């Protein structure tokens, strides 16, 4: 496998912070996402490189291994064990031949030996390596996660059919076992970590399964009371405003919120905050009436 400079892929420096890595990844992932670049093989290739770079650099442990071992970072533990074995072997045997054939930085020979490429009995053992984990983002609108539905994703040129439960949250990550990189030497595949990026294009604010909405009412309705119509995710609801309603008063509509994640048929609540809209221009007659009310 050729060496890939993951820092260069993300357009960041080697001293970049975790926040810098995340920011660069999100920006590039959106730019080269297959949904925005249909039938564009170059964009698809770039998108895969970006995800691969993020997988390595966003994980502090993986990043440390990558900085030390480059393209062979996944085999860092094997390298360390090999160096330890070499030191023990040298201590026991005191042979210079081993040292000359297996130097301090001779990782490529060691890597070959792990797959049976060497002639020595020491190098004849077969090793199994687990495939790397993949990270991907799935961009959805809020209304798309209002109900449970299925969706087909294309990961590493393979179609994966997944079920997206209603109530998935923005930034939530789920693991799809066995759909990461292929294992080596008979090892298991890695896993796919899928992060949901959910855009809220509604007037509601969401906090888990609860929704929040600000509703303006005029002064007269606030003072005298009256009926208003509220839009909810499940349709319009008629609501009675009590006389003497104060600004910033709140009411709760039970069960009119968002679906509870993985709890079929359960919903959060919808909280309405009233904002009393004071008149900004009054006729003389209206002003006189307010003066009479003030005297009362």
C-alpha atoms as a PDB file:
ATOM      1  CA  UNK A   1       0.000   0.000   0.000  1.00  0.00           C
ATOM      2  CA  UNK A   2       1.421   3.371  -0.996  1.00  0.00           C
ATOM      3  CA  UNK A   3       1.964   5.966   1.682  1.00  0.00           C
ATOM      4  CA  UNK A   4      -0.866   8.491   1.929  1.00  0.00           C
ATOM      5  CA  UNK A   5      -0.297  11.764   3.743  1.00  0.00           C
ATOM      6  CA  UNK A   6      -3.556  12.031   5.672  1.00  0.00           C
ATOM      7  CA  UNK A   7      -2.674  15.529   6.872  1.00  0.00           C
ATOM      8  CA  UNK A   8      -2.351  16.641   3.263  1.00  0.00           C
ATOM      9  CA  UNK A   9      -5.649  14.935   2.360  1.00  0.00           C
ATOM     10  CA  UNK A  10      -7.482  17.035   4.960  1.00  0.00           C
ATOM     11  CA  UNK A  11      -5.433  20.156   4.203  1.00  0.00           C
ATOM     12  CA  UNK A  12      -4.156  20.563   7.764  1.00  0.00           C
ATOM     13  CA  UNK A  13      -0.790  20.763   9.526  1.00  0.00           C
ATOM     14  CA  UNK A  14       0.672  17.965  11.638  1.00  0.00           C
ATOM     15  CA  UNK A  15       0.105  20.008  14.787  1.00  0.00           C
ATOM     16  CA  UNK A  16      -3.621  20.394  14.056  1.00  0.00           C
ATOM     17  CA  UNK A  17      -5.976  20.055  17.018  1.00  0.00           C
ATOM     18  CA  UNK A  18      -8.881  17.615  17.187  1.00  0.00           C
ATOM     19  CA  UNK A  19     -11.229  20.524  16.472  1.00  0.00           C
ATOM     20  CA  UNK A  20      -9.182  21.468  13.382  1.00  0.00           C
ATOM     21  CA  UNK A  21      -9.386  17.880  12.128  1.00  0.00           C
ATOM     22  CA  UNK A  22     -13.139  17.673  12.651  1.00  0.00           C
ATOM     23  CA  UNK A  23     -13.744  21.052  10.978  1.00  0.00           C
ATOM     24  CA  UNK A  24     -11.622  20.177   7.937  1.00  0.00           C
ATOM     25  CA  UNK A  25     -13.264  16.762   7.607  1.00  0.00           C
ATOM     26  CA  UNK A  26     -16.821  18.108   7.716  1.00  0.00           C
ATOM     27  CA  UNK A  27     -16.051  20.775   5.146  1.00  0.00           C
ATOM     28  CA  UNK A  28     -14.456  18.352   2.667  1.00  0.00           C
ATOM     29  CA  UNK A  29     -16.996  15.575   3.284  1.00  0.00           C
ATOM     30  CA  UNK A  30     -19.826  17.884   2.327  1.00  0.00           C
ATOM     31  CA  UNK A  31     -17.955  19.084  -0.757  1.00  0.00           C
ATOM     32  CA  UNK A  32     -17.196  15.601  -2.119  1.00  0.00           C
ATOM     33  CA  UNK A  33     -20.230  13.708  -0.793  1.00  0.00           C
ATOM     34  CA  UNK A  34     -21.545  11.239  -3.447  1.00  0.00           C
ATOM     35  CA  UNK A  35     -25.068  12.649  -3.114  1.00  0.00           C
ATOM     36  CA  UNK A  36     -23.771  16.020  -4.270  1.00  0.00           C
ATOM     37  CA  UNK A  37     -21.492  14.551  -6.954  1.00  0.00           C
ATOM     38  CA  UNK A  38     -23.491  11.814  -8.693  1.00  0.00           C
ATOM     39  CA  UNK A  39     -21.585   9.702 -11.242  1.00  0.00           C
ATOM     40  CA  UNK A  40     -18.341  11.475 -10.368  1.00  0.00           C
ATOM     41  CA  UNK A  41     -15.689   8.815  -9.795  1.00  0.00           C
ATOM     42  CA  UNK A  42     -13.019  11.350  -8.835  1.00  0.00           C
ATOM     43  CA  UNK A  43     -15.260  12.871  -6.148  1.00  0.00           C
ATOM     44  CA  UNK A  44     -16.088   9.395  -4.869  1.00  0.00           C
ATOM     45  CA  UNK A  45     -12.388   8.525  -4.635  1.00  0.00           C
ATOM     46  CA  UNK A  46     -11.673  11.793  -2.855  1.00  0.00           C
ATOM     47  CA  UNK A  47     -14.567  11.175  -0.442  1.00  0.00           C
ATOM     48  CA  UNK A  48     -13.102   7.778   0.476  1.00  0.00           C
ATOM     49  CA  UNK A  49      -9.663   9.293   1.069  1.00  0.00           C
ATOM     50  CA  UNK A  50     -11.190  11.969   3.294  1.00  0.00           C
ATOM     51  CA  UNK A  51     -13.039   9.383   5.375  1.00  0.00           C
ATOM     52  CA  UNK A  52      -9.913   7.239   5.650  1.00  0.00           C
ATOM     53  CA  UNK A  53      -7.845  10.223   6.794  1.00  0.00           C
ATOM     54  CA  UNK A  54     -10.476  11.203   9.353  1.00  0.00           C
ATOM     55  CA  UNK A  55     -10.658   7.635  10.675  1.00  0.00           C
ATOM     56  CA  UNK A  56      -6.953   7.722  11.471  1.00  0.00           C
ATOM     57  CA  UNK A  57      -6.359  11.303  12.605  1.00  0.00           C
ATOM     58  CA  UNK A  58      -9.559  11.805  14.621  1.00  0.00           C
ATOM     59  CA  UNK A  59      -8.585   8.932  16.906  1.00  0.00           C
ATOM     60  CA  UNK A  60      -5.679  10.040  19.156  1.00  0.00           C
ATOM     61  CA  UNK A  61      -4.349   6.488  19.490  1.00  0.00           C
ATOM     62  CA  UNK A  62      -4.504   5.814  15.748  1.00  0.00           C
ATOM     63  CA  UNK A  63      -2.945   9.203  15.021  1.00  0.00           C
ATOM     64  CA  UNK A  64      -0.004   8.439  17.308  1.00  0.00           C
ATOM     65  CA  UNK A  65       0.578   5.133  15.526  1.00  0.00           C
ATOM     66  CA  UNK A  66       0.292   6.799  12.116  1.00  0.00           C
ATOM     67  CA  UNK A  67       2.790   9.514  13.036  1.00  0.00           C
ATOM     68  CA  UNK A  68       5.273   6.825  14.073  1.00  0.00           C
ATOM     69  CA  UNK A  69       4.689   4.051  11.523  1.00  0.00           C
ATOM     70  CA  UNK A  70       3.142   5.776   8.509  1.00  0.00           C
ATOM     71  CA  UNK A  71       1.212   3.511   6.149  1.00  0.00           C
ATOM     72  CA  UNK A  72       1.802   0.493   8.417  1.00  0.00           C
ATOM     73  CA  UNK A  73       0.191   2.195  11.451  1.00  0.00           C
ATOM     74  CA  UNK A  74      -2.392  -0.577  11.832  1.00  0.00           C
ATOM     75  CA  UNK A  75       0.381  -3.022  12.607  1.00  0.00           C
ATOM     76  CA  UNK A  76       2.070  -0.928  15.289  1.00  0.00           C
ATOM     77  CA  UNK A  77       1.464  -3.524  17.995  1.00  0.00           C
ATOM     78  CA  UNK A  78       3.015  -6.243  15.845  1.00  0.00           C
ATOM     79  CA  UNK A  79       6.051  -4.047  15.206  1.00  0.00           C
ATOM     80  CA  UNK A  80       6.490  -3.423  18.917  1.00  0.00           C
ATOM     81  CA  UNK A  81       6.165  -7.108  19.725  1.00  0.00           C
ATOM     82  CA  UNK A  82       8.676  -7.908  16.981  1.00  0.00           C
ATOM     83  CA  UNK A  83      11.190  -5.452  18.391  1.00  0.00           C
ATOM     84  CA  UNK A  84      10.671  -6.892  21.857  1.00  0.00           C
ATOM     85  CA  UNK A  85      11.161 -10.423  20.526  1.00  0.00           C
ATOM     86  CA  UNK A  86      14.293  -9.299  18.708  1.00  0.00           C
ATOM     87  CA  UNK A  87      15.744  -7.831  21.884  1.00  0.00           C
ATOM     88  CA  UNK A  88      14.971 -11.005  23.814  1.00  0.00           C
ATOM     89  CA  UNK A  89      16.441 -13.115  21.031  1.00  0.00           C
ATOM     90  CA  UNK A  90      19.607 -11.055  20.963  1.00  0.00           C
ATOM     91  CA  UNK A  91      19.921 -11.271  24.720  1.00  0.00           C
ATOM     92  CA  UNK A  92      19.577 -15.030  24.682  1.00  0.00           C
ATOM     93  CA  UNK A  93      21.566 -15.875  21.556  1.00  0.00           C
ATOM     94  CA  UNK A  94      23.943 -12.940  21.181  1.00  0.00           C
ATOM     95  CA  UNK A  95      23.950 -13.365  17.426  1.00  0.00           C
ATOM     96  CA  UNK A  96      24.994 -10.489  15.213  1.00  0.00           C
ATOM     97  CA  UNK A  97      23.468 -12.195  12.173  1.00  0.00           C
ATOM     98  CA  UNK A  98      19.944 -11.579  13.418  1.00  0.00           C
ATOM     99  CA  UNK A  99      20.763  -7.955  14.082  1.00  0.00           C
ATOM    100  CA  UNK A 100      22.098  -7.444  10.570  1.00  0.00           C
ATOM    101  CA  UNK A 101      19.098  -9.096   8.925  1.00  0.00           C
ATOM    102  CA  UNK A 102      16.514  -7.367  11.099  1.00  0.00           C
ATOM    103  CA  UNK A 103      17.530  -3.811  11.871  1.00  0.00           C
ATOM    104  CA  UNK A 104      15.798  -1.347  14.183  1.00  0.00           C
ATOM    105  CA  UNK A 105      13.806   0.198  11.357  1.00  0.00           C
ATOM    106  CA  UNK A 106      13.430  -2.884   9.139  1.00  0.00           C
ATOM    107  CA  UNK A 107       9.635  -2.974   9.348  1.00  0.00           C
ATOM    108  CA  UNK A 108       9.038  -3.959   5.730  1.00  0.00           C
ATOM    109  CA  UNK A 109      10.892  -7.278   6.212  1.00  0.00           C
ATOM    110  CA  UNK A 110       8.966  -7.928   9.354  1.00  0.00           C
ATOM    111  CA  UNK A 111       5.680  -7.099   7.652  1.00  0.00           C
ATOM    112  CA  UNK A 112       6.538  -9.608   4.906  1.00  0.00           C
ATOM    113  CA  UNK A 113       7.402 -12.269   7.463  1.00  0.00           C
ATOM    114  CA  UNK A 114       4.011 -11.927   9.112  1.00  0.00           C
ATOM    115  CA  UNK A 115       2.495 -13.280   5.897  1.00  0.00           C
ATOM    116  CA  UNK A 116       4.907 -16.172   5.459  1.00  0.00           C
ATOM    117  CA  UNK A 117       7.319 -14.377   3.152  1.00  0.00           C
ATOM    118  CA  UNK A 118      10.487 -15.205   5.123  1.00  0.00           C
ATOM    119  CA  UNK A 119      12.497 -18.422   5.069  1.00  0.00           C
ATOM    120  CA  UNK A 120      13.355 -18.585   8.757  1.00  0.00           C
ATOM    121  CA  UNK A 121      11.114 -20.562  11.071  1.00  0.00           C
ATOM    122  CA  UNK A 122      10.879 -17.414  13.198  1.00  0.00           C
ATOM    123  CA  UNK A 123       9.183 -15.650  10.291  1.00  0.00           C
ATOM    124  CA  UNK A 124       6.922 -18.454   9.139  1.00  0.00           C
ATOM    125  CA  UNK A 125       3.964 -17.733  11.402  1.00  0.00           C
ATOM    126  CA  UNK A 126       0.796 -16.390   9.773  1.00  0.00           C
ATOM    127  CA  UNK A 127      -0.834 -13.368  11.426  1.00  0.00           C
ATOM    128  CA  UNK A 128      -4.423 -12.236  11.211  1.00  0.00           C
ATOM    129  CA  UNK A 129      -5.240  -8.545  11.130  1.00  0.00           C
ATOM    130  CA  UNK A 130      -8.634  -6.993  11.683  1.00  0.00           C
ATOM    131  CA  UNK A 131      -9.741  -4.613   8.947  1.00  0.00           C
ATOM    132  CA  UNK A 132      -9.792  -0.891   9.633  1.00  0.00           C
ATOM    133  CA  UNK A 133     -12.962   0.813  10.802  1.00  0.00           C
ATOM    134  CA  UNK A 134     -14.666   3.230   8.439  1.00  0.00           C
ATOM    135  CA  UNK A 135     -16.356   6.519   9.383  1.00  0.00           C
ATOM    136  CA  UNK A 136     -19.084   8.076   7.278  1.00  0.00           C
ATOM    137  CA  UNK A 137     -21.772  10.741   7.589  1.00  0.00           C
ATOM    138  CA  UNK A 138     -25.393  10.488   6.519  1.00  0.00           C
ATOM    139  CA  UNK A 139     -27.095  13.845   5.933  1.00  0.00           C
ATOM    140  CA  UNK A 140     -30.845  13.940   6.538  1.00  0.00           C
ATOM    141  CA  UNK A 141     -33.593  16.495   7.148  1.00  0.00           C
ATOM    142  CA  UNK A 142     -35.442  16.455  10.471  1.00  0.00           C
ATOM    143  CA  UNK A 143     -38.667  15.306   8.841  1.00  0.00           C
ATOM    144  CA  UNK A 144     -36.837  12.300   7.368  1.00  0.00           C
ATOM    145  CA  UNK A 145     -36.272  10.863  10.840  1.00  0.00           C
ATOM    146  CA  UNK A 146     -39.856  11.431  11.951  1.00  0.00           C
ATOM    147  CA  UNK A 147     -40.646   7.830  10.946  1.00  0.00           C
ATOM    148  CA  UNK A 148     -38.620   4.624  10.803  1.00  0.00           C
ATOM    149  CA  UNK A 149     -37.499   3.839   7.258  1.00  0.00           C
ATOM    150  CA  UNK A 150     -34.921   1.930   5.261  1.00  0.00           C
ATOM    151  CA  UNK A 151     -32.161   3.389   3.126  1.00  0.00           C
ATOM    152  CA  UNK A 152     -29.475   1.981   0.851  1.00  0.00           C
ATOM    153  CA  UNK A 153     -25.937   3.300   1.330  1.00  0.00           C
ATOM    154  CA  UNK A 154     -22.948   2.763  -0.932  1.00  0.00           C
ATOM    155  CA  UNK A 155     -19.840   2.051   1.121  1.00  0.00           C
ATOM    156  CA  UNK A 156     -16.587   1.027  -0.557  1.00  0.00           C
ATOM    157  CA  UNK A 157     -18.492   0.217  -3.779  1.00  0.00           C
ATOM    158  CA  UNK A 158     -20.913  -2.038  -1.892  1.00  0.00           C
ATOM    159  CA  UNK A 159     -24.596  -1.365  -1.276  1.00  0.00           C
ATOM    160  CA  UNK A 160     -25.711  -1.662   2.332  1.00  0.00           C
ATOM    161  CA  UNK A 161     -29.403  -1.692   3.272  1.00  0.00           C
ATOM    162  CA  UNK A 162     -29.947  -0.219   6.744  1.00  0.00           C
ATOM    163  CA  UNK A 163     -32.950   0.673   8.886  1.00  0.00           C
ATOM    164  CA  UNK A 164     -32.987   4.222  10.273  1.00  0.00           C
ATOM    165  CA  UNK A 165     -35.080   4.314  13.456  1.00  0.00           C
ATOM    166  CA  UNK A 166     -37.381   7.250  14.061  1.00  0.00           C
ATOM    167  CA  UNK A 167     -35.996   9.744  16.559  1.00  0.00           C
ATOM    168  CA  UNK A 168     -32.317   9.511  15.571  1.00  0.00           C
ATOM    169  CA  UNK A 169     -30.499  12.591  16.865  1.00  0.00           C
ATOM    170  CA  UNK A 170     -28.130  14.978  15.165  1.00  0.00           C
ATOM    171  CA  UNK A 171     -24.543  13.861  15.768  1.00  0.00           C
ATOM    172  CA  UNK A 172     -25.570  10.368  16.870  1.00  0.00           C
ATOM    173  CA  UNK A 173     -23.254   7.581  15.706  1.00  0.00           C
ATOM    174  CA  UNK A 174     -24.256   3.965  15.161  1.00  0.00           C
ATOM    175  CA  UNK A 175     -22.005   0.972  14.455  1.00  0.00           C
ATOM    176  CA  UNK A 176     -22.678  -1.343  11.519  1.00  0.00           C
ATOM    177  CA  UNK A 177     -20.642  -4.430  12.288  1.00  0.00           C
ATOM    178  CA  UNK A 178     -18.458  -5.975   9.617  1.00  0.00           C
ATOM    179  CA  UNK A 179     -18.899  -3.253   6.983  1.00  0.00           C
ATOM    180  CA  UNK A 180     -15.521  -1.587   7.430  1.00  0.00           C
ATOM    181  CA  UNK A 181     -12.253  -2.463   5.684  1.00  0.00           C
ATOM    182  CA  UNK A 182     -11.509  -6.103   4.793  1.00  0.00           C
ATOM    183  CA  UNK A 183      -9.442  -8.156   7.212  1.00  0.00           C
ATOM    184  CA  UNK A 184      -5.972  -9.390   6.284  1.00  0.00           C
ATOM    185  CA  UNK A 185      -4.623 -12.912   6.623  1.00  0.00           C
ATOM    186  CA  UNK A 186      -8.080 -14.248   7.411  1.00  0.00           C
ATOM    187  CA  UNK A 187      -8.809 -11.595  10.033  1.00  0.00           C
ATOM    188  CA  UNK A 188     -12.315 -10.122  10.525  1.00  0.00           C
ATOM    189  CA  UNK A 189     -13.592  -7.063   8.716  1.00  0.00           C
ATOM    190  CA  UNK A 190     -13.648  -3.733  10.465  1.00  0.00           C
ATOM    191  CA  UNK A 191     -16.849  -1.922  11.377  1.00  0.00           C
ATOM    192  CA  UNK A 192     -18.624   1.069   9.858  1.00  0.00           C
ATOM    193  CA  UNK A 193     -19.356   3.992  12.180  1.00  0.00           C
ATOM    194  CA  UNK A 194     -22.166   6.076  10.705  1.00  0.00           C
ATOM    195  CA  UNK A 195     -22.780   9.580  12.068  1.00  0.00           C
ATOM    196  CA  UNK A 196     -26.094  11.302  11.389  1.00  0.00           C
ATOM    197  CA  UNK A 197     -26.054  14.967  10.400  1.00  0.00           C
ATOM    198  CA  UNK A 198     -29.644  16.176  10.684  1.00  0.00           C
ATOM    199  CA  UNK A 199     -30.654  19.584   9.353  1.00  0.00           C
ATOM    200  CA  UNK A 200     -33.602  21.226  11.098  1.00  0.00           C
ATOM    201  CA  UNK A 201     -35.546  23.296   8.586  1.00  0.00           C
ATOM    202  CA  UNK A 202     -38.645  23.558  10.775  1.00  0.00           C
ATOM    203  CA  UNK A 203     -39.737  26.315  13.192  1.00  0.00           C
ATOM    204  CA  UNK A 204     -39.370  23.846  16.064  1.00  0.00           C
ATOM    205  CA  UNK A 205     -36.358  23.566  18.325  1.00  0.00           C
ATOM    206  CA  UNK A 206     -35.545  19.987  19.280  1.00  0.00           C
ATOM    207  CA  UNK A 207     -34.138  18.628  22.510  1.00  0.00           C
ATOM    208  CA  UNK A 208     -34.085  14.835  22.202  1.00  0.00           C
ATOM    209  CA  UNK A 209     -37.775  13.886  21.931  1.00  0.00           C
ATOM    210  CA  UNK A 210     -39.195  17.232  23.067  1.00  0.00           C
ATOM    211  CA  UNK A 211     -39.999  20.116  20.731  1.00  0.00           C
ATOM    212  CA  UNK A 212     -40.212  23.827  21.478  1.00  0.00           C
ATOM    213  CA  UNK A 213     -42.130  26.479  19.533  1.00  0.00           C
ATOM    214  CA  UNK A 214     -42.579  30.220  19.993  1.00  0.00           C
ATOM    215  CA  UNK A 215     -46.050  31.522  19.115  1.00  0.00           C
ATOM    216  CA  UNK A 216     -46.951  35.184  18.807  1.00  0.00           C
ATOM    217  CA  UNK A 217     -50.378  36.307  20.058  1.00  0.00           C
ATOM    218  CA  UNK A 218     -51.865  39.779  19.925  1.00  0.00           C
ATOM    219  CA  UNK A 219     -52.500  41.872  23.011  1.00  0.00           C
ATOM    220  CA  UNK A 220     -56.250  41.455  22.843  1.00  0.00           C
ATOM    221  CA  UNK A 221     -56.098  37.659  22.773  1.00  0.00           C
ATOM    222  CA  UNK A 222     -53.630  37.726  25.668  1.00  0.00           C
ATOM    223  CA  UNK A 223     -55.942  39.949  27.714  1.00  0.00           C
ATOM    224  CA  UNK A 224     -59.339  38.525  26.758  1.00  0.00           C
ATOM    225  CA  UNK A 225     -58.398  34.986  25.800  1.00  0.00           C
ATOM    226  CA  UNK A 226     -59.387  33.206  22.583  1.00  0.00           C
ATOM    227  CA  UNK A 227     -58.672  30.318  20.264  1.00  0.00           C
ATOM    228  CA  UNK A 228     -55.542  29.999  18.111  1.00  0.00           C
ATOM    229  CA  UNK A 229     -54.269  27.344  15.722  1.00  0.00           C
ATOM    230  CA  UNK A 230     -50.884  25.678  16.297  1.00  0.00           C
ATOM    231  CA  UNK A 231     -48.916  23.744  13.677  1.00  0.00           C
ATOM    232  CA  UNK A 232     -47.484  20.472  14.995  1.00  0.00           C
ATOM    233  CA  UNK A 233     -45.547  17.728  13.193  1.00  0.00           C
ATOM    234  CA  UNK A 234     -48.712  15.673  13.070  1.00  0.00           C
ATOM    235  CA  UNK A 235     -51.044  18.434  11.850  1.00  0.00           C
ATOM    236  CA  UNK A 236     -52.838  21.541  13.101  1.00  0.00           C
ATOM    237  CA  UNK A 237     -54.145  21.764  16.667  1.00  0.00           C
ATOM    238  CA  UNK A 238     -56.702  24.232  18.031  1.00  0.00           C
ATOM    239  CA  UNK A 239     -55.561  25.745  21.312  1.00  0.00           C
ATOM    240  CA  UNK A 240     -57.473  27.903  23.811  1.00  0.00           C
ATOM    241  CA  UNK A 241     -55.544  30.878  25.198  1.00  0.00           C
ATOM    242  CA  UNK A 242     -56.579  31.733  28.761  1.00  0.00           C
ATOM    243  CA  UNK A 243     -57.601  35.314  29.561  1.00  0.00           C
ATOM    244  CA  UNK A 244     -54.790  37.289  31.168  1.00  0.00           C
ATOM    245  CA  UNK A 245     -52.005  35.263  29.521  1.00  0.00           C
ATOM    246  CA  UNK A 246     -48.633  36.814  30.277  1.00  0.00           C
ATOM    247  CA  UNK A 247     -45.681  37.252  27.925  1.00  0.00           C
ATOM    248  CA  UNK A 248     -43.373  34.175  27.929  1.00  0.00           C
ATOM    249  CA  UNK A 249     -46.102  31.972  29.385  1.00  0.00           C
ATOM    250  CA  UNK A 250     -45.669  28.315  28.463  1.00  0.00           C
ATOM    251  CA  UNK A 251     -48.100  25.505  27.766  1.00  0.00           C
ATOM    252  CA  UNK A 252     -47.391  21.831  27.117  1.00  0.00           C
ATOM    253  CA  UNK A 253     -49.022  19.695  24.453  1.00  0.00           C
ATOM    254  CA  UNK A 254     -48.434  16.158  25.665  1.00  0.00           C
ATOM    255  CA  UNK A 255     -47.374  13.620  23.057  1.00  0.00           C
ATOM    256  CA  UNK A 256     -47.032  16.213  20.277  1.00  0.00           C
ATOM    257  CA  UNK A 257     -43.239  16.189  20.260  1.00  0.00           C
ATOM    258  CA  UNK A 258     -40.726  14.015  18.420  1.00  0.00           C
ATOM    259  CA  UNK A 259     -40.625  10.193  18.390  1.00  0.00           C
ATOM    260  CA  UNK A 260     -38.645   8.614  21.229  1.00  0.00           C
ATOM    261  CA  UNK A 261     -35.624   6.795  19.780  1.00  0.00           C
ATOM    262  CA  UNK A 262     -36.234   3.034  19.428  1.00  0.00           C
ATOM    263  CA  UNK A 263     -39.498   3.199  21.404  1.00  0.00           C
ATOM    264  CA  UNK A 264     -42.213   2.593  18.854  1.00  0.00           C
ATOM    265  CA  UNK A 265     -45.343   4.674  19.396  1.00  0.00           C
ATOM    266  CA  UNK A 266     -43.856   6.899  22.099  1.00  0.00           C
ATOM    267  CA  UNK A 267     -43.467  10.651  21.593  1.00  0.00           C
ATOM    268  CA  UNK A 268     -42.086  13.566  23.550  1.00  0.00           C
ATOM    269  CA  UNK A 269     -44.009  16.755  24.302  1.00  0.00           C
ATOM    270  CA  UNK A 270     -44.412  20.063  22.488  1.00  0.00           C
ATOM    271  CA  UNK A 271     -43.841  23.189  24.579  1.00  0.00           C
ATOM    272  CA  UNK A 272     -45.402  26.456  23.373  1.00  0.00           C
ATOM    273  CA  UNK A 273     -44.033  29.810  24.544  1.00  0.00           C
ATOM    274  CA  UNK A 274     -46.360  32.771  24.046  1.00  0.00           C
ATOM    275  CA  UNK A 275     -44.938  36.079  22.885  1.00  0.00           C
ATOM    276  CA  UNK A 276     -47.425  38.914  23.318  1.00  0.00           C
ATOM    277  CA  UNK A 277     -47.253  41.236  20.318  1.00  0.00           C
ATOM    278  CA  UNK A 278     -47.889  44.783  21.520  1.00  0.00           C
ATOM    279  CA  UNK A 279     -49.454  47.219  19.017  1.00  0.00           C
ATOM    280  CA  UNK A 280     -46.951  49.762  17.709  1.00  0.00           C
ATOM    281  CA  UNK A 281     -49.383  52.252  16.188  1.00  0.00           C
ATOM    282  CA  UNK A 282     -52.761  53.163  17.688  1.00  0.00           C
ATOM    283  CA  UNK A 283     -55.580  55.277  16.360  1.00  0.00           C
ATOM    284  CA  UNK A 284     -56.772  58.157  18.501  1.00  0.00           C
ATOM    285  CA  UNK A 285     -59.869  56.191  19.429  1.00  0.00           C
ATOM    286  CA  UNK A 286     -57.750  53.249  20.576  1.00  0.00           C
ATOM    287  CA  UNK A 287     -55.509  55.542  22.582  1.00  0.00           C
ATOM    288  CA  UNK A 288     -58.558  57.057  24.296  1.00  0.00           C
ATOM    289  CA  UNK A 289     -59.830  53.597  25.173  1.00  0.00           C
ATOM    290  CA  UNK A 290     -56.489  52.631  26.687  1.00  0.00           C
ATOM    291  CA  UNK A 291     -56.522  55.842  28.748  1.00  0.00           C
ATOM    292  CA  UNK A 292     -59.949  54.930  30.091  1.00  0.00           C
ATOM    293  CA  UNK A 293     -58.683  51.465  30.973  1.00  0.00           C
ATOM    294  CA  UNK A 294     -55.685  52.998  32.716  1.00  0.00           C
ATOM    295  CA  UNK A 295     -57.973  55.102  34.904  1.00  0.00           C
ATOM    296  CA  UNK A 296     -60.005  52.033  35.826  1.00  0.00           C
END
